[in-house]
Amino acid sequence: MLLVFLIAKEWFGTAVATLSALLFAFLPVRVWLAQEALSESLYVMLLLLAVLVATRIRTSRMLPVVGLGLILGWAYITRPEAVILISVLGFSMLLRFIRNRREGRRIAAYVLGLMVVILPYVLWLSIHAGHFVVTGKGHGEIGRGMARLQGQPDVLMRTLSKDESTTLMASRSPGLGEFMVHVARNLELMKNLILVNTGVQPVAGGLLLLGLLAVFKRVSQGGLWHLGLLQLFFVLHLVLYSPFWVEERLVYAGSPALCIWMAVGAGALFKWIKHGGEDSARSRIFALATVLTLVVAILASFAWKLHSTNITDDKTHASQEMARTLKQLSIKSNGGVIGEYPGIAFFAGLHHEWMPYCDLDQLRRFASLNKAPLVAFSERDTLTPATARLLSGNYGPEDAQPLAKVHYGNQDFQMFMLSPIVDGR
């Protein structure tokens, strides 16, 4: 919230900054994610910090530029979608370099900061994958979104080699044509998610439109091109990132933009109403009353959404309970866990592997190779042949042993201990 305030103050002044921070503080998806063990909160914080640093660099010293690269490198290893902002800032520096050759030193410092963080990560991934890869996220968010949209099993994050002797990371990505089709299919879903998370739909949508028009007007003015690129980053990030995998939590990456643009729109509406009444004292009072009413309506709708979706500490307590159970079981197994919930494993201090799509025998071999004999999943997760067999009870003691069933939120998680593969069995 503080970073949103500082960025908005840098660009639009204190009034817009205060309103932006207020909207962001009550944004339901932000409040929900603040209590979840997911990467989005850290990721968005790093992106906002990078934008703030970039807008405040007004010196020829290289240290702040190196720091900017370090922040974005950290954002990249948190979620590789940070490459969007990395590219936007790099392009902005390149434009300045064309006009002034001395800017080459800043580009070198920026790349140095990025490589200090990203290069060790990429080298480690490539060594473990057996070939060059730049991210451990499998087919990427486009592939995940396409698979889910088409009703197919989720893409493989990790899988076994053909001879089942080692673990591989998937690296294929969809082509341009597949990407365009997927984005087109998801535009309607993305629009609905944006409106749901901006409170009273007609009011919030109207303020958002006015805010975007006001921003584009500033971008088109002379001398604001560099600043405009950073402002447009928010819109670019929202449009390019959200369609990859349509879930409410992924709208969070663009939510600072929504809050700032709504605040800018409220300011634009105030000026328009005030000038429409020849800028008299009565017109200013009327404009202020109108805008305040609309803003209060949006904030009230945010508060009601939080109340209606029961966003409380219950989920946090459930996460702690599951992490505690995993930690107790890991002492017996002396290994990590396979499942869809890395945040829980992190809190338990366990090594985590994503659930591969395979049968039970392959899952046992996968567990042995990765020293992760525990399996934790819910019936609501995408079933694989292995997890479907475990849920049906169609296995013997030589395959797996049930360990626990933990109620977590509105789901019941089951945990199993997989028997190791011995002599090919």
Foldseek 3Di string as FASTA:
>chain_A
DVLLLLVLCLPPNNQLSVQLVLLQVLQQLNLLVVLALALVVVLLVLVSVLLNLVSPPPDPDQVSLLVSLQSLLVSCQSPVLSVLVVVLVLVLLVVVCVVPVSSVSSSVSNVNSNCVRQVVVQVVQCVQQVHGDRHLQAQDLQQQQVCVVVVHFGGFSWAADPVRPGIHGHHHYDDPVSSVVLLVVCPVVLVVLVQLRQFPRVLLVQLLVQLVVVLVVVCPDPPCVSVSSSLCSLVVCQSVFCSSHPDNSSNVSNSSNSSSSSSSSLVVQLVVQCVVVVNDPVSNVVSVVVSVVSSVNRSVRSVVVCVVVVSDCQLSVLLVVLLVVLLVVCVVLVAAEEDDGVSSRVVNVHDYDYDGQDAQLSVQSVCQNRRHQKYKYWPPHRDHNHVVCVVVVVDDVQAKDWDDWGDRPPTIMTMIGGHHQDPND
